[in-house]
Amino acid sequence: MTAPDGVLLLFHPSGRAERAARHGRLLDPDDPMGEEHLRPALRAAGWRLDCYEDAPHHFMARAVRSDEQACH
């Protein structure tokens, strides 16, 4: 349960490409943490993605709970 305007923060201290390389693979275009996949997935779950950073040395996505989906 989340109150209206609740915040969800996804963070990792390395970027997606760096993690993929560390595991000996290329970044998969179907990666669910890619913005083009994460944004609609969060929206479907009642969240609005308001910040997305996939920098070489960190990954961060911040979403805010939609009022219509929040627990009142």
C-alpha atoms as a PDB file:
ATOM      1  CA  MET A   1       0.000   0.000   0.000  1.00  0.00           C
ATOM      2  CA  THR A   2       1.241   3.446  -0.839  1.00  0.00           C
ATOM      3  CA  ALA A   3      -0.100   6.853   0.067  1.00  0.00           C
ATOM      4  CA  PRO A   4      -0.801   9.391  -2.686  1.00  0.00           C
ATOM      5  CA  ASP A   5       2.478  10.817  -3.972  1.00  0.00           C
ATOM      6  CA  GLY A   6       4.428   7.898  -2.467  1.00  0.00           C
ATOM      7  CA  VAL A   7       7.877   7.470  -4.053  1.00  0.00           C
ATOM      8  CA  LEU A   8       9.498   4.362  -5.499  1.00  0.00           C
ATOM      9  CA  LEU A   9      13.262   4.551  -6.028  1.00  0.00           C
ATOM     10  CA  LEU A  10      15.182   1.942  -8.016  1.00  0.00           C
ATOM     11  CA  PHE A  11      18.943   2.349  -7.673  1.00  0.00           C
ATOM     12  CA  HIS A  12      22.098   0.412  -8.493  1.00  0.00           C
ATOM     13  CA  PRO A  13      25.655   1.783  -8.140  1.00  0.00           C
ATOM     14  CA  SER A  14      26.526   0.757 -11.718  1.00  0.00           C
ATOM     15  CA  GLY A  15      24.767   1.431 -15.016  1.00  0.00           C
ATOM     16  CA  ARG A  16      22.951  -1.244 -16.999  1.00  0.00           C
ATOM     17  CA  ALA A  17      25.650  -1.399 -19.726  1.00  0.00           C
ATOM     18  CA  GLU A  18      28.404  -1.767 -17.124  1.00  0.00           C
ATOM     19  CA  ARG A  19      26.546  -4.619 -15.416  1.00  0.00           C
ATOM     20  CA  ALA A  20      25.929  -6.358 -18.744  1.00  0.00           C
ATOM     21  CA  ALA A  21      29.624  -6.073 -19.691  1.00  0.00           C
ATOM     22  CA  ARG A  22      30.640  -7.425 -16.292  1.00  0.00           C
ATOM     23  CA  HIS A  23      28.553 -10.508 -17.080  1.00  0.00           C
ATOM     24  CA  GLY A  24      30.125 -10.844 -20.534  1.00  0.00           C
ATOM     25  CA  ARG A  25      27.147  -9.731 -22.577  1.00  0.00           C
ATOM     26  CA  LEU A  26      25.834  -6.726 -24.458  1.00  0.00           C
ATOM     27  CA  LEU A  27      22.992  -4.637 -23.126  1.00  0.00           C
ATOM     28  CA  ASP A  28      19.787  -6.365 -24.228  1.00  0.00           C
ATOM     29  CA  PRO A  29      17.354  -4.013 -26.024  1.00  0.00           C
ATOM     30  CA  ASP A  30      14.522  -5.964 -24.344  1.00  0.00           C
ATOM     31  CA  ASP A  31      15.914  -5.309 -20.846  1.00  0.00           C
ATOM     32  CA  PRO A  32      12.883  -4.566 -18.639  1.00  0.00           C
ATOM     33  CA  MET A  33      14.865  -1.831 -16.855  1.00  0.00           C
ATOM     34  CA  GLY A  34      15.274   0.125 -20.101  1.00  0.00           C
ATOM     35  CA  GLU A  35      13.222   3.308 -19.987  1.00  0.00           C
ATOM     36  CA  GLU A  36      11.068   2.292 -22.956  1.00  0.00           C
ATOM     37  CA  HIS A  37       9.998  -0.838 -21.037  1.00  0.00           C
ATOM     38  CA  LEU A  38      10.086   0.430 -17.463  1.00  0.00           C
ATOM     39  CA  ARG A  39       7.884   3.488 -18.044  1.00  0.00           C
ATOM     40  CA  PRO A  40       4.823   1.560 -19.341  1.00  0.00           C
ATOM     41  CA  ALA A  41       5.295  -1.222 -16.770  1.00  0.00           C
ATOM     42  CA  LEU A  42       5.271   1.299 -13.928  1.00  0.00           C
ATOM     43  CA  ARG A  43       2.307   3.138 -15.451  1.00  0.00           C
ATOM     44  CA  ALA A  44       0.336  -0.123 -15.610  1.00  0.00           C
ATOM     45  CA  ALA A  45       1.063  -0.645 -11.906  1.00  0.00           C
ATOM     46  CA  GLY A  46      -0.089   2.866 -10.959  1.00  0.00           C
ATOM     47  CA  TRP A  47       3.252   4.691 -10.920  1.00  0.00           C
ATOM     48  CA  ARG A  48       4.488   7.686 -12.934  1.00  0.00           C
ATOM     49  CA  LEU A  49       8.188   7.589 -13.827  1.00  0.00           C
ATOM     50  CA  ASP A  50       9.471  11.119 -13.213  1.00  0.00           C
ATOM     51  CA  CYS A  51      13.254  10.614 -13.295  1.00  0.00           C
ATOM     52  CA  TYR A  52      15.373   8.085 -15.174  1.00  0.00           C
ATOM     53  CA  GLU A  53      19.178   8.026 -15.179  1.00  0.00           C
ATOM     54  CA  ASP A  54      21.181   5.227 -16.747  1.00  0.00           C
ATOM     55  CA  ALA A  55      24.666   6.674 -16.391  1.00  0.00           C
ATOM     56  CA  PRO A  56      27.857   4.616 -16.772  1.00  0.00           C
ATOM     57  CA  HIS A  57      28.395   4.546 -13.003  1.00  0.00           C
ATOM     58  CA  HIS A  58      24.855   4.317 -11.656  1.00  0.00           C
ATOM     59  CA  PHE A  59      21.259   3.469 -12.494  1.00  0.00           C
ATOM     60  CA  MET A  60      18.399   5.347 -10.886  1.00  0.00           C
ATOM     61  CA  ALA A  61      14.691   5.477 -11.617  1.00  0.00           C
ATOM     62  CA  ARG A  62      12.255   7.449  -9.478  1.00  0.00           C
ATOM     63  CA  ALA A  63       8.502   6.988  -9.752  1.00  0.00           C
ATOM     64  CA  VAL A  64       5.611   8.660  -7.942  1.00  0.00           C
ATOM     65  CA  ARG A  65       2.401   6.841  -7.076  1.00  0.00           C
ATOM     66  CA  SER A  66      -0.559   7.975  -9.169  1.00  0.00           C
ATOM     67  CA  ASP A  67      -3.337   9.459  -7.043  1.00  0.00           C
ATOM     68  CA  GLU A  68      -5.985   7.223  -8.594  1.00  0.00           C
ATOM     69  CA  GLN A  69      -3.952   4.109  -7.691  1.00  0.00           C
ATOM     70  CA  ALA A  70      -2.942   5.153  -4.188  1.00  0.00           C
ATOM     71  CA  CYS A  71      -4.519   3.889  -1.003  1.00  0.00           C
ATOM     72  CA  HIS A  72      -6.595   6.640   0.617  1.00  0.00           C
END
